């Protein structure tokens, strides 16, 4: 299976991620936002793997804004998913990472819009 060299989110979910970034990082410049974007993307993918989320296909083509080589420079996410048995047969691992990110950002955004807070305590507690 050929792996993509860029990954992202759908346009709707990318806008949700940007809104979350504005809440978390209102004073930082573009470089700071980029680092936070990678961190939030990694967080929701990690939670998806940890919680064994079965992520549905994307509803539209993603905006490929993140380089895989920067997102997963040591191949940790690739290895984790390769050994997880979560990825359906015939689906590229990084394509599934996009699905996990899409699902995770939507969930995080929904919680934020409902409560006005990001659920970090829930994510990082036992």
PDB file of N, CA and C in Angstrom:
ATOM      1  N   UNK A   1       0.854  -1.178   0.000  1.00  0.00           N
ATOM      2  CA  UNK A   1       0.000   0.000   0.000  1.00  0.00           C
ATOM      3  C   UNK A   1       0.893   1.231   0.000  1.00  0.00           C
ATOM      4  N   UNK A   2       0.671   2.111  -0.961  1.00  0.00           N
ATOM      5  CA  UNK A   2       1.446   3.350  -1.042  1.00  0.00           C
ATOM      6  C   UNK A   2       0.908   4.362  -0.036  1.00  0.00           C
ATOM      7  N   UNK A   3       1.814   4.909   0.746  1.00  0.00           N
ATOM      8  CA  UNK A   3       1.445   5.871   1.781  1.00  0.00           C
ATOM      9  C   UNK A   3       1.515   7.299   1.230  1.00  0.00           C
ATOM     10  N   UNK A   4       0.564   8.151   1.627  1.00  0.00           N
ATOM     11  CA  UNK A   4       0.637   9.554   1.212  1.00  0.00           C
ATOM     12  C   UNK A   4       1.788  10.266   1.919  1.00  0.00           C
ATOM     13  N   UNK A   5       2.301  11.334   1.332  1.00  0.00           N
ATOM     14  CA  UNK A   5       3.369  12.091   1.997  1.00  0.00           C
ATOM     15  C   UNK A   5       2.834  13.331   2.704  1.00  0.00           C
ATOM     16  N   UNK A   6       1.517  13.597   2.551  1.00  0.00           N
ATOM     17  CA  UNK A   6       0.865  14.705   3.260  1.00  0.00           C
ATOM     18  C   UNK A   6      -0.469  14.207   3.806  1.00  0.00           C
ATOM     19  N   UNK A   7      -0.850  14.737   4.962  1.00  0.00           N
ATOM     20  CA  UNK A   7      -2.125  14.400   5.577  1.00  0.00           C
ATOM     21  C   UNK A   7      -2.807  15.681   6.044  1.00  0.00           C
ATOM     22  N   UNK A   8      -4.071  15.599   6.380  1.00  0.00           N
ATOM     23  CA  UNK A   8      -4.777  16.789   6.828  1.00  0.00           C
ATOM     24  C   UNK A   8      -6.132  16.463   7.399  1.00  0.00           C
ATOM     25  N   UNK A   9      -7.068  17.374   7.185  1.00  0.00           N
ATOM     26  CA  UNK A   9      -8.443  17.260   7.640  1.00  0.00           C
ATOM     27  C   UNK A   9      -9.346  17.796   6.536  1.00  0.00           C
ATOM     28  N   UNK A  10     -10.633  17.492   6.610  1.00  0.00           N
ATOM     29  CA  UNK A  10     -11.566  18.091   5.662  1.00  0.00           C
ATOM     30  C   UNK A  10     -11.658  19.588   5.952  1.00  0.00           C
ATOM     31  N   UNK A  11     -12.198  20.342   5.020  1.00  0.00           N
ATOM     32  CA  UNK A  11     -12.246  21.802   5.194  1.00  0.00           C
ATOM     33  C   UNK A  11     -13.059  22.209   6.424  1.00  0.00           C
ATOM     34  N   UNK A  12     -14.163  21.544   6.682  1.00  0.00           N
ATOM     35  CA  UNK A  12     -14.993  21.863   7.846  1.00  0.00           C
ATOM     36  C   UNK A  12     -14.235  21.599   9.139  1.00  0.00           C
ATOM     37  N   UNK A  13     -13.601  20.461   9.217  1.00  0.00           N
ATOM     38  CA  UNK A  13     -12.890  20.090  10.437  1.00  0.00           C
ATOM     39  C   UNK A  13     -11.617  20.915  10.594  1.00  0.00           C
ATOM     40  N   UNK A  14     -10.985  21.300   9.506  1.00  0.00           N
ATOM     41  CA  UNK A  14      -9.818  22.186   9.586  1.00  0.00           C
ATOM     42  C   UNK A  14     -10.239  23.533  10.183  1.00  0.00           C
ATOM     43  N   UNK A  15     -11.389  24.035   9.804  1.00  0.00           N
ATOM     44  CA  UNK A  15     -11.895  25.292  10.376  1.00  0.00           C
ATOM     45  C   UNK A  15     -12.161  25.135  11.875  1.00  0.00           C
ATOM     46  N   UNK A  16     -12.670  23.976  12.264  1.00  0.00           N
ATOM     47  CA  UNK A  16     -12.890  23.712  13.694  1.00  0.00           C
ATOM     48  C   UNK A  16     -11.564  23.675  14.440  1.00  0.00           C
ATOM     49  N   UNK A  17     -10.559  23.050  13.859  1.00  0.00           N
ATOM     50  CA  UNK A  17      -9.236  22.998  14.469  1.00  0.00           C
ATOM     51  C   UNK A  17      -8.667  24.407  14.615  1.00  0.00           C
ATOM     52  N   UNK A  18      -8.822  25.226  13.584  1.00  0.00           N
ATOM     53  CA  UNK A  18      -8.329  26.605  13.642  1.00  0.00           C
ATOM     54  C   UNK A  18      -9.023  27.385  14.757  1.00  0.00           C
ATOM     55  N   UNK A  19     -10.322  27.163  14.937  1.00  0.00           N
ATOM     56  CA  UNK A  19     -11.046  27.839  16.021  1.00  0.00           C
ATOM     57  C   UNK A  19     -10.518  27.388  17.382  1.00  0.00           C
ATOM     58  N   UNK A  20     -10.261  26.101  17.521  1.00  0.00           N
ATOM     59  CA  UNK A  20      -9.677  25.596  18.770  1.00  0.00           C
ATOM     60  C   UNK A  20      -8.295  26.200  19.005  1.00  0.00           C
ATOM     61  N   UNK A  21      -7.513  26.325  17.939  1.00  0.00           N
ATOM     62  CA  UNK A  21      -6.173  26.915  18.056  1.00  0.00           C
ATOM     63  C   UNK A  21      -6.256  28.376  18.486  1.00  0.00           C
ATOM     64  N   UNK A  22      -7.236  29.100  17.961  1.00  0.00           N
ATOM     65  CA  UNK A  22      -7.415  30.494  18.370  1.00  0.00           C
ATOM     66  C   UNK A  22      -7.705  30.580  19.862  1.00  0.00           C
ATOM     67  N   UNK A  23      -8.479  29.649  20.367  1.00  0.00           N
ATOM     68  CA  UNK A  23      -8.805  29.630  21.788  1.00  0.00           C
ATOM     69  C   UNK A  23      -7.571  29.314  22.635  1.00  0.00           C
ATOM     70  N   UNK A  24      -6.771  28.377  22.176  1.00  0.00           N
ATOM     71  CA  UNK A  24      -5.586  27.959  22.928  1.00  0.00           C
ATOM     72  C   UNK A  24      -4.411  28.903  22.781  1.00  0.00           C
ATOM     73  N   UNK A  25      -4.325  29.569  21.652  1.00  0.00           N
ATOM     74  CA  UNK A  25      -3.103  30.254  21.279  1.00  0.00           C
ATOM     75  C   UNK A  25      -3.394  31.611  20.637  1.00  0.00           C
ATOM     76  N   UNK A  26      -4.155  32.490  21.284  1.00  0.00           N
ATOM     77  CA  UNK A  26      -4.601  33.709  20.612  1.00  0.00           C
ATOM     78  C   UNK A  26      -3.502  34.716  20.301  1.00  0.00           C
ATOM     79  N   UNK A  27      -2.379  34.692  20.987  1.00  0.00           N
ATOM     80  CA  UNK A  27      -1.351  35.715  20.801  1.00  0.00           C
ATOM     81  C   UNK A  27      -0.156  35.250  19.963  1.00  0.00           C
ATOM     82  N   UNK A  28      -0.060  33.973  19.656  1.00  0.00           N
ATOM     83  CA  UNK A  28       1.106  33.472  18.952  1.00  0.00           C
ATOM     84  C   UNK A  28       1.021  33.722  17.449  1.00  0.00           C
ATOM     85  N   UNK A  29       2.197  33.806  16.845  1.00  0.00           N
ATOM     86  CA  UNK A  29       2.287  33.984  15.398  1.00  0.00           C
ATOM     87  C   UNK A  29       2.103  32.670  14.674  1.00  0.00           C
ATOM     88  N   UNK A  30       2.324  32.691  13.390  1.00  0.00           N
ATOM     89  CA  UNK A  30       2.081  31.526  12.541  1.00  0.00           C
ATOM     90  C   UNK A  30       2.902  30.314  12.960  1.00  0.00           C
ATOM     91  N   UNK A  31       4.166  30.494  13.280  1.00  0.00           N
ATOM     92  CA  UNK A  31       5.008  29.359  13.666  1.00  0.00           C
ATOM     93  C   UNK A  31       4.498  28.706  14.947  1.00  0.00           C
ATOM     94  N   UNK A  32       4.078  29.500  15.896  1.00  0.00           N
ATOM     95  CA  UNK A  32       3.519  28.951  17.128  1.00  0.00           C
ATOM     96  C   UNK A  32       2.247  28.170  16.865  1.00  0.00           C
ATOM     97  N   UNK A  33       1.390  28.686  16.005  1.00  0.00           N
ATOM     98  CA  UNK A  33       0.153  27.992  15.662  1.00  0.00           C
ATOM     99  C   UNK A  33       0.457  26.674  14.980  1.00  0.00           C
ATOM    100  N   UNK A  34       1.446  26.662  14.108  1.00  0.00           N
ATOM    101  CA  UNK A  34       1.816  25.433  13.418  1.00  0.00           C
ATOM    102  C   UNK A  34       2.208  24.356  14.416  1.00  0.00           C
ATOM    103  N   UNK A  35       2.999  24.714  15.408  1.00  0.00           N
ATOM    104  CA  UNK A  35       3.422  23.728  16.391  1.00  0.00           C
ATOM    105  C   UNK A  35       2.234  23.227  17.201  1.00  0.00           C
ATOM    106  N   UNK A  36       1.338  24.097  17.584  1.00  0.00           N
ATOM    107  CA  UNK A  36       0.157  23.689  18.319  1.00  0.00           C
ATOM    108  C   UNK A  36      -0.729  22.795  17.449  1.00  0.00           C
ATOM    109  N   UNK A  37      -0.854  23.123  16.157  1.00  0.00           N
ATOM    110  CA  UNK A  37      -1.664  22.319  15.242  1.00  0.00           C
ATOM    111  C   UNK A  37      -1.140  20.886  15.200  1.00  0.00           C
ATOM    112  N   UNK A  38       0.173  20.746  15.067  1.00  0.00           N
ATOM    113  CA  UNK A  38       0.772  19.407  15.084  1.00  0.00           C
ATOM    114  C   UNK A  38       0.456  18.706  16.400  1.00  0.00           C
ATOM    115  N   UNK A  39       0.574  19.439  17.505  1.00  0.00           N
ATOM    116  CA  UNK A  39       0.344  18.834  18.813  1.00  0.00           C
ATOM    117  C   UNK A  39      -1.101  18.378  18.976  1.00  0.00           C
ATOM    118  N   UNK A  40      -2.058  19.211  18.586  1.00  0.00           N
ATOM    119  CA  UNK A  40      -3.468  18.808  18.693  1.00  0.00           C
ATOM    120  C   UNK A  40      -3.771  17.637  17.760  1.00  0.00           C
ATOM    121  N   UNK A  41      -3.213  17.667  16.580  1.00  0.00           N
ATOM    122  CA  UNK A  41      -3.413  16.576  15.619  1.00  0.00           C
ATOM    123  C   UNK A  41      -2.853  15.284  16.211  1.00  0.00           C
ATOM    124  N   UNK A  42      -1.651  15.360  16.759  1.00  0.00           N
ATOM    125  CA  UNK A  42      -1.043  14.181  17.388  1.00  0.00           C
ATOM    126  C   UNK A  42      -1.857  13.694  18.582  1.00  0.00           C
ATOM    127  N   UNK A  43      -2.358  14.639  19.389  1.00  0.00           N
ATOM    128  CA  UNK A  43      -3.148  14.271  20.562  1.00  0.00           C
ATOM    129  C   UNK A  43      -4.382  13.477  20.166  1.00  0.00           C
ATOM    130  N   UNK A  44      -5.156  13.983  19.209  1.00  0.00           N
ATOM    131  CA  UNK A  44      -6.396  13.282  18.865  1.00  0.00           C
ATOM    132  C   UNK A  44      -6.113  11.945  18.175  1.00  0.00           C
ATOM    133  N   UNK A  45      -5.037  11.857  17.414  1.00  0.00           N
ATOM    134  CA  UNK A  45      -4.666  10.573  16.812  1.00  0.00           C
ATOM    135  C   UNK A  45      -4.245   9.591  17.905  1.00  0.00           C
ATOM    136  N   UNK A  46      -3.456  10.060  18.858  1.00  0.00           N
ATOM    137  CA  UNK A  46      -3.020   9.199  19.966  1.00  0.00           C
ATOM    138  C   UNK A  46      -4.208   8.674  20.760  1.00  0.00           C
ATOM    139  N   UNK A  47      -5.159   9.560  21.051  1.00  0.00           N
ATOM    140  CA  UNK A  47      -6.355   9.136  21.787  1.00  0.00           C
ATOM    141  C   UNK A  47      -7.169   8.134  20.973  1.00  0.00           C
ATOM    142  N   UNK A  48      -7.244   8.346  19.674  1.00  0.00           N
ATOM    143  CA  UNK A  48      -7.954   7.400  18.813  1.00  0.00           C
ATOM    144  C   UNK A  48      -7.322   6.017  18.835  1.00  0.00           C
ATOM    145  N   UNK A  49      -5.996   5.970  18.791  1.00  0.00           N
ATOM    146  CA  UNK A  49      -5.295   4.679  18.849  1.00  0.00           C
ATOM    147  C   UNK A  49      -5.497   4.057  20.228  1.00  0.00           C
ATOM    148  N   UNK A  50      -5.300   4.851  21.278  1.00  0.00           N
ATOM    149  CA  UNK A  50      -5.442   4.354  22.655  1.00  0.00           C
ATOM    150  C   UNK A  50      -6.832   3.780  22.895  1.00  0.00           C
ATOM    151  N   UNK A  51      -7.850   4.487  22.414  1.00  0.00           N
ATOM    152  CA  UNK A  51      -9.237   4.078  22.650  1.00  0.00           C
ATOM    153  C   UNK A  51      -9.779   3.127  21.589  1.00  0.00           C
ATOM    154  N   UNK A  52      -8.910   2.680  20.684  1.00  0.00           N
ATOM    155  CA  UNK A  52      -9.283   1.723  19.635  1.00  0.00           C
ATOM    156  C   UNK A  52     -10.509   2.206  18.831  1.00  0.00           C
ATOM    157  N   UNK A  53     -10.464   3.483  18.428  1.00  0.00           N
ATOM    158  CA  UNK A  53     -11.562   4.084  17.673  1.00  0.00           C
ATOM    159  C   UNK A  53     -11.596   3.521  16.253  1.00  0.00           C
ATOM    160  N   UNK A  54     -12.770   3.125  15.833  1.00  0.00           N
ATOM    161  CA  UNK A  54     -12.974   2.716  14.446  1.00  0.00           C
ATOM    162  C   UNK A  54     -13.459   3.966  13.713  1.00  0.00           C
ATOM    163  N   UNK A  55     -12.563   4.572  12.978  1.00  0.00           N
ATOM    164  CA  UNK A  55     -12.845   5.860  12.330  1.00  0.00           C
ATOM    165  C   UNK A  55     -13.421   5.643  10.933  1.00  0.00           C
ATOM    166  N   UNK A  56     -14.533   6.318  10.647  1.00  0.00           N
ATOM    167  CA  UNK A  56     -15.148   6.177   9.323  1.00  0.00           C
ATOM    168  C   UNK A  56     -14.354   6.923   8.250  1.00  0.00           C
ATOM    169  N   UNK A  57     -14.602   6.611   6.981  1.00  0.00           N
ATOM    170  CA  UNK A  57     -13.957   7.359   5.900  1.00  0.00           C
ATOM    171  C   UNK A  57     -14.319   8.841   5.979  1.00  0.00           C
ATOM    172  N   UNK A  58     -13.453   9.684   5.436  1.00  0.00           N
ATOM    173  CA  UNK A  58     -13.716  11.119   5.412  1.00  0.00           C
ATOM    174  C   UNK A  58     -14.902  11.411   4.500  1.00  0.00           C
ATOM    175  N   UNK A  59     -15.687  12.409   4.861  1.00  0.00           N
ATOM    176  CA  UNK A  59     -16.869  12.767   4.084  1.00  0.00           C
ATOM    177  C   UNK A  59     -16.511  13.536   2.807  1.00  0.00           C
ATOM    178  N   UNK A  60     -15.302  14.068   2.771  1.00  0.00           N
ATOM    179  CA  UNK A  60     -14.805  14.803   1.602  1.00  0.00           C
ATOM    180  C   UNK A  60     -13.284  14.686   1.581  1.00  0.00           C
ATOM    181  N   UNK A  61     -12.689  15.111   0.502  1.00  0.00           N
ATOM    182  CA  UNK A  61     -11.225  15.071   0.391  1.00  0.00           C
ATOM    183  C   UNK A  61     -10.598  15.989   1.428  1.00  0.00           C
ATOM    184  N   UNK A  62      -9.523  15.535   2.027  1.00  0.00           N
ATOM    185  CA  UNK A  62      -8.863  16.339   3.055  1.00  0.00           C
ATOM    186  C   UNK A  62      -8.003  17.438   2.436  1.00  0.00           C
ATOM    187  N   UNK A  63      -7.760  18.479   3.229  1.00  0.00           N
ATOM    188  CA  UNK A  63      -6.787  19.510   2.884  1.00  0.00           C
ATOM    189  C   UNK A  63      -5.449  18.986   3.394  1.00  0.00           C
ATOM    190  N   UNK A  64      -4.586  18.587   2.512  1.00  0.00           N
ATOM    191  CA  UNK A  64      -3.321  17.974   2.893  1.00  0.00           C
ATOM    192  C   UNK A  64      -2.327  19.040   3.321  1.00  0.00           C
ATOM    193  N   UNK A  65      -2.406  19.436   4.578  1.00  0.00           N
ATOM    194  CA  UNK A  65      -1.598  20.563   5.045  1.00  0.00           C
ATOM    195  C   UNK A  65      -0.409  20.162   5.915  1.00  0.00           C
ATOM    196  N   UNK A  66      -0.324  18.918   6.327  1.00  0.00           N
ATOM    197  CA  UNK A  66       0.763  18.481   7.204  1.00  0.00           C
ATOM    198  C   UNK A  66       1.640  17.458   6.483  1.00  0.00           C
ATOM    199  N   UNK A  67       2.932  17.686   6.517  1.00  0.00           N
ATOM    200  CA  UNK A  67       3.850  16.704   5.931  1.00  0.00           C
ATOM    201  C   UNK A  67       3.995  15.523   6.879  1.00  0.00           C
ATOM    202  N   UNK A  68       3.844  14.330   6.337  1.00  0.00           N
ATOM    203  CA  UNK A  68       3.997  13.116   7.148  1.00  0.00           C
ATOM    204  C   UNK A  68       5.383  13.082   7.778  1.00  0.00           C
ATOM    205  N   UNK A  69       6.387  13.515   7.046  1.00  0.00           N
ATOM    206  CA  UNK A  69       7.764  13.489   7.555  1.00  0.00           C
ATOM    207  C   UNK A  69       7.954  14.393   8.771  1.00  0.00           C
ATOM    208  N   UNK A  70       7.129  15.427   8.913  1.00  0.00           N
ATOM    209  CA  UNK A  70       7.188  16.298  10.090  1.00  0.00           C
ATOM    210  C   UNK A  70       6.252  15.803  11.185  1.00  0.00           C
ATOM    211  N   UNK A  71       5.084  15.321  10.793  1.00  0.00           N
ATOM    212  CA  UNK A  71       4.098  14.841  11.750  1.00  0.00           C
ATOM    213  C   UNK A  71       4.599  13.595  12.484  1.00  0.00           C
ATOM    214  N   UNK A  72       5.183  12.670  11.744  1.00  0.00           N
ATOM    215  CA  UNK A  72       5.583  11.370  12.306  1.00  0.00           C
ATOM    216  C   UNK A  72       7.022  11.061  11.895  1.00  0.00           C
ATOM    217  N   UNK A  73       7.932  11.955  12.261  1.00  0.00           N
ATOM    218  CA  UNK A  73       9.312  11.870  11.781  1.00  0.00           C
ATOM    219  C   UNK A  73      10.027  10.587  12.177  1.00  0.00           C
ATOM    220  N   UNK A  74       9.639   9.959  13.254  1.00  0.00           N
ATOM    221  CA  UNK A  74      10.287   8.702  13.670  1.00  0.00           C
ATOM    222  C   UNK A  74       9.419   7.481  13.384  1.00  0.00           C
ATOM    223  N   UNK A  75       8.256   7.676  12.798  1.00  0.00           N
ATOM    224  CA  UNK A  75       7.385   6.562  12.426  1.00  0.00           C
ATOM    225  C   UNK A  75       6.649   5.921  13.591  1.00  0.00           C
ATOM    226  N   UNK A  76       6.522   6.633  14.697  1.00  0.00           N
ATOM    227  CA  UNK A  76       5.878   6.073  15.889  1.00  0.00           C
ATOM    228  C   UNK A  76       4.392   5.803  15.639  1.00  0.00           C
ATOM    229  N   UNK A  77       3.695   6.772  15.042  1.00  0.00           N
ATOM    230  CA  UNK A  77       2.270   6.576  14.773  1.00  0.00           C
ATOM    231  C   UNK A  77       2.059   5.452  13.759  1.00  0.00           C
ATOM    232  N   UNK A  78       2.921   5.416  12.752  1.00  0.00           N
ATOM    233  CA  UNK A  78       2.832   4.359  11.753  1.00  0.00           C
ATOM    234  C   UNK A  78       2.971   2.992  12.409  1.00  0.00           C
ATOM    235  N   UNK A  79       3.988   2.833  13.242  1.00  0.00           N
ATOM    236  CA  UNK A  79       4.223   1.547  13.919  1.00  0.00           C
ATOM    237  C   UNK A  79       3.082   1.178  14.849  1.00  0.00           C
ATOM    238  N   UNK A  80       2.588   2.163  15.600  1.00  0.00           N
ATOM    239  CA  UNK A  80       1.488   1.892  16.533  1.00  0.00           C
ATOM    240  C   UNK A  80       0.259   1.384  15.784  1.00  0.00           C
ATOM    241  N   UNK A  81      -0.069   2.024  14.678  1.00  0.00           N
ATOM    242  CA  UNK A  81      -1.245   1.588  13.921  1.00  0.00           C
ATOM    243  C   UNK A  81      -0.988   0.299  13.158  1.00  0.00           C
ATOM    244  N   UNK A  82       0.217   0.131  12.672  1.00  0.00           N
ATOM    245  CA  UNK A  82       0.563  -1.096  11.955  1.00  0.00           C
ATOM    246  C   UNK A  82       0.355  -2.319  12.848  1.00  0.00           C
ATOM    247  N   UNK A  83       0.605  -2.155  14.138  1.00  0.00           N
ATOM    248  CA  UNK A  83       0.488  -3.264  15.090  1.00  0.00           C
ATOM    249  C   UNK A  83      -0.829  -3.282  15.852  1.00  0.00           C
ATOM    250  N   UNK A  84      -1.736  -2.388  15.537  1.00  0.00           N
ATOM    251  CA  UNK A  84      -2.977  -2.258  16.309  1.00  0.00           C
ATOM    252  C   UNK A  84      -4.143  -3.085  15.775  1.00  0.00           C
ATOM    253  N   UNK A  85      -4.081  -3.490  14.542  1.00  0.00           N
ATOM    254  CA  UNK A  85      -5.174  -4.181  13.864  1.00  0.00           C
ATOM    255  C   UNK A  85      -6.413  -3.292  13.716  1.00  0.00           C
ATOM    256  N   UNK A  86      -6.247  -1.979  13.815  1.00  0.00           N
ATOM    257  CA  UNK A  86      -7.347  -1.035  13.613  1.00  0.00           C
ATOM    258  C   UNK A  86      -7.563  -0.701  12.141  1.00  0.00           C
ATOM    259  N   UNK A  87      -6.490  -0.688  11.379  1.00  0.00           N
ATOM    260  CA  UNK A  87      -6.554  -0.218   9.987  1.00  0.00           C
ATOM    261  C   UNK A  87      -7.156  -1.309   9.101  1.00  0.00           C
ATOM    262  N   UNK A  88      -8.279  -0.985   8.424  1.00  0.00           N
ATOM    263  CA  UNK A  88      -8.895  -1.960   7.529  1.00  0.00           C
ATOM    264  C   UNK A  88      -7.956  -2.353   6.383  1.00  0.00           C
ATOM    265  N   UNK A  89      -8.088  -3.555   5.925  1.00  0.00           N
ATOM    266  CA  UNK A  89      -7.299  -4.065   4.794  1.00  0.00           C
ATOM    267  C   UNK A  89      -7.480  -3.151   3.586  1.00  0.00           C
ATOM    268  N   UNK A  90      -6.371  -2.817   2.932  1.00  0.00           N
ATOM    269  CA  UNK A  90      -6.419  -2.005   1.726  1.00  0.00           C
ATOM    270  C   UNK A  90      -6.407  -0.505   1.971  1.00  0.00           C
ATOM    271  N   UNK A  91      -6.310  -0.079   3.228  1.00  0.00           N
ATOM    272  CA  UNK A  91      -6.269   1.345   3.562  1.00  0.00           C
ATOM    273  C   UNK A  91      -4.855   1.693   4.010  1.00  0.00           C
ATOM    274  N   UNK A  92      -4.309   2.771   3.463  1.00  0.00           N
ATOM    275  CA  UNK A  92      -2.982   3.229   3.879  1.00  0.00           C
ATOM    276  C   UNK A  92      -3.044   3.679   5.341  1.00  0.00           C
ATOM    277  N   UNK A  93      -1.991   3.418   6.073  1.00  0.00           N
ATOM    278  CA  UNK A  93      -1.951   3.763   7.497  1.00  0.00           C
ATOM    279  C   UNK A  93      -2.109   5.256   7.707  1.00  0.00           C
ATOM    280  N   UNK A  94      -1.427   6.079   6.928  1.00  0.00           N
ATOM    281  CA  UNK A  94      -1.555   7.521   7.109  1.00  0.00           C
ATOM    282  C   UNK A  94      -2.932   8.027   6.669  1.00  0.00           C
ATOM    283  N   UNK A  95      -3.588   7.343   5.777  1.00  0.00           N
ATOM    284  CA  UNK A  95      -4.976   7.677   5.453  1.00  0.00           C
ATOM    285  C   UNK A  95      -5.859   7.412   6.675  1.00  0.00           C
ATOM    286  N   UNK A  96      -5.591   6.329   7.377  1.00  0.00           N
ATOM    287  CA  UNK A  96      -6.361   6.035   8.590  1.00  0.00           C
ATOM    288  C   UNK A  96      -6.038   7.042   9.692  1.00  0.00           C
ATOM    289  N   UNK A  97      -4.804   7.497   9.748  1.00  0.00           N
ATOM    290  CA  UNK A  97      -4.442   8.551  10.699  1.00  0.00           C
ATOM    291  C   UNK A  97      -5.284   9.795  10.431  1.00  0.00           C
ATOM    292  N   UNK A  98      -5.484  10.139   9.171  1.00  0.00           N
ATOM    293  CA  UNK A  98      -6.360  11.267   8.837  1.00  0.00           C
ATOM    294  C   UNK A  98      -7.768  11.040   9.385  1.00  0.00           C
ATOM    295  N   UNK A  99      -8.263   9.828   9.243  1.00  0.00           N
ATOM    296  CA  UNK A  99      -9.601   9.502   9.744  1.00  0.00           C
ATOM    297  C   UNK A  99      -9.673   9.679  11.264  1.00  0.00           C
ATOM    298  N   UNK A 100      -8.648   9.176  11.960  1.00  0.00           N
ATOM    299  CA  UNK A 100      -8.617   9.328  13.419  1.00  0.00           C
ATOM    300  C   UNK A 100      -8.561  10.800  13.815  1.00  0.00           C
ATOM    301  N   UNK A 101      -7.758  11.570  13.109  1.00  0.00           N
ATOM    302  CA  UNK A 101      -7.648  12.996  13.400  1.00  0.00           C
ATOM    303  C   UNK A 101      -8.975  13.701  13.141  1.00  0.00           C
ATOM    304  N   UNK A 102      -9.602  13.385  12.043  1.00  0.00           N
ATOM    305  CA  UNK A 102     -10.897  13.978  11.699  1.00  0.00           C
ATOM    306  C   UNK A 102     -11.916  13.704  12.801  1.00  0.00           C
ATOM    307  N   UNK A 103     -12.016  12.459  13.193  1.00  0.00           N
ATOM    308  CA  UNK A 103     -12.954  12.053  14.247  1.00  0.00           C
ATOM    309  C   UNK A 103     -12.623  12.745  15.563  1.00  0.00           C
ATOM    310  N   UNK A 104     -11.348  12.776  15.919  1.00  0.00           N
ATOM    311  CA  UNK A 104     -10.915  13.355  17.186  1.00  0.00           C
ATOM    312  C   UNK A 104     -11.120  14.858  17.270  1.00  0.00           C
ATOM    313  N   UNK A 105     -10.822  15.576  16.201  1.00  0.00           N
ATOM    314  CA  UNK A 105     -11.008  17.027  16.205  1.00  0.00           C
ATOM    315  C   UNK A 105     -12.495  17.357  16.292  1.00  0.00           C
ATOM    316  N   UNK A 106     -13.322  16.626  15.545  1.00  0.00           N
ATOM    317  CA  UNK A 106     -14.766  16.859  15.610  1.00  0.00           C
ATOM    318  C   UNK A 106     -15.276  16.675  17.042  1.00  0.00           C
ATOM    319  N   UNK A 107     -14.824  15.620  17.689  1.00  0.00           N
ATOM    320  CA  UNK A 107     -15.237  15.336  19.057  1.00  0.00           C
ATOM    321  C   UNK A 107     -14.756  16.429  20.022  1.00  0.00           C
ATOM    322  N   UNK A 108     -13.488  16.804  19.902  1.00  0.00           N
ATOM    323  CA  UNK A 108     -12.922  17.851  20.746  1.00  0.00           C
ATOM    324  C   UNK A 108     -13.674  19.170  20.543  1.00  0.00           C
ATOM    325  N   UNK A 109     -13.977  19.500  19.309  1.00  0.00           N
ATOM    326  CA  UNK A 109     -14.702  20.729  18.994  1.00  0.00           C
ATOM    327  C   UNK A 109     -16.114  20.700  19.577  1.00  0.00           C
ATOM    328  N   UNK A 110     -16.781  19.575  19.450  1.00  0.00           N
ATOM    329  CA  UNK A 110     -18.145  19.437  19.989  1.00  0.00           C
ATOM    330  C   UNK A 110     -18.133  19.657  21.503  1.00  0.00           C
ATOM    331  N   UNK A 111     -17.191  19.060  22.192  1.00  0.00           N
ATOM    332  CA  UNK A 111     -17.081  19.229  23.642  1.00  0.00           C
ATOM    333  C   UNK A 111     -16.803  20.691  23.975  1.00  0.00           C
ATOM    334  N   UNK A 112     -15.886  21.308  23.239  1.00  0.00           N
ATOM    335  CA  UNK A 112     -15.552  22.709  23.483  1.00  0.00           C
ATOM    336  C   UNK A 112     -16.774  23.609  23.279  1.00  0.00           C
ATOM    337  N   UNK A 113     -17.518  23.396  22.211  1.00  0.00           N
ATOM    338  CA  UNK A 113     -18.694  24.227  21.931  1.00  0.00           C
ATOM    339  C   UNK A 113     -19.779  24.013  22.984  1.00  0.00           C
ATOM    340  N   UNK A 114     -19.862  22.821  23.554  1.00  0.00           N
ATOM    341  CA  UNK A 114     -20.876  22.512  24.555  1.00  0.00           C
ATOM    342  C   UNK A 114     -20.499  23.055  25.933  1.00  0.00           C
ATOM    343  N   UNK A 115     -19.230  22.878  26.327  1.00  0.00           N
ATOM    344  CA  UNK A 115     -18.810  23.213  27.692  1.00  0.00           C
ATOM    345  C   UNK A 115     -18.004  24.502  27.797  1.00  0.00           C
ATOM    346  N   UNK A 116     -17.447  24.958  26.671  1.00  0.00           N
ATOM    347  CA  UNK A 116     -16.580  26.129  26.702  1.00  0.00           C
ATOM    348  C   UNK A 116     -15.172  25.809  27.173  1.00  0.00           C
ATOM    349  N   UNK A 117     -14.888  24.525  27.334  1.00  0.00           N
ATOM    350  CA  UNK A 117     -13.574  24.088  27.809  1.00  0.00           C
ATOM    351  C   UNK A 117     -13.082  22.916  26.971  1.00  0.00           C
ATOM    352  N   UNK A 118     -11.775  22.735  27.004  1.00  0.00           N
ATOM    353  CA  UNK A 118     -11.180  21.556  26.376  1.00  0.00           C
ATOM    354  C   UNK A 118     -10.989  20.502  27.465  1.00  0.00           C
ATOM    355  N   UNK A 119     -11.317  19.251  27.202  1.00  0.00           N
ATOM    356  CA  UNK A 119     -11.349  18.218  28.240  1.00  0.00           C
ATOM    357  C   UNK A 119      -9.987  17.585  28.554  1.00  0.00           C
ATOM    358  N   UNK A 120      -8.954  18.409  28.724  1.00  0.00           N
ATOM    359  CA  UNK A 120      -7.624  17.863  28.949  1.00  0.00           C
ATOM    360  C   UNK A 120      -7.536  17.039  30.236  1.00  0.00           C
ATOM    361  N   UNK A 121      -8.249  17.462  31.276  1.00  0.00           N
ATOM    362  CA  UNK A 121      -8.221  16.710  32.535  1.00  0.00           C
ATOM    363  C   UNK A 121      -8.729  15.282  32.310  1.00  0.00           C
ATOM    364  N   UNK A 122      -9.794  15.155  31.553  1.00  0.00           N
ATOM    365  CA  UNK A 122     -10.348  13.835  31.240  1.00  0.00           C
ATOM    366  C   UNK A 122      -9.342  12.995  30.441  1.00  0.00           C
ATOM    367  N   UNK A 123      -8.676  13.630  29.484  1.00  0.00           N
ATOM    368  CA  UNK A 123      -7.731  12.911  28.650  1.00  0.00           C
ATOM    369  C   UNK A 123      -6.507  12.436  29.398  1.00  0.00           C
ATOM    370  N   UNK A 124      -6.070  13.218  30.383  1.00  0.00           N
ATOM    371  CA  UNK A 124      -4.810  12.925  31.048  1.00  0.00           C
ATOM    372  C   UNK A 124      -4.967  12.341  32.445  1.00  0.00           C
ATOM    373  N   UNK A 125      -6.186  12.008  32.850  1.00  0.00           N
ATOM    374  CA  UNK A 125      -6.361  11.357  34.144  1.00  0.00           C
ATOM    375  C   UNK A 125      -6.269   9.848  33.957  1.00  0.00           C
ATOM    376  N   UNK A 126      -6.159   9.141  35.051  1.00  0.00           N
ATOM    377  CA  UNK A 126      -6.067   7.668  34.999  1.00  0.00           C
ATOM    378  C   UNK A 126      -7.264   7.141  34.333  1.00  0.00           C
TER     379      UNK A 126
END
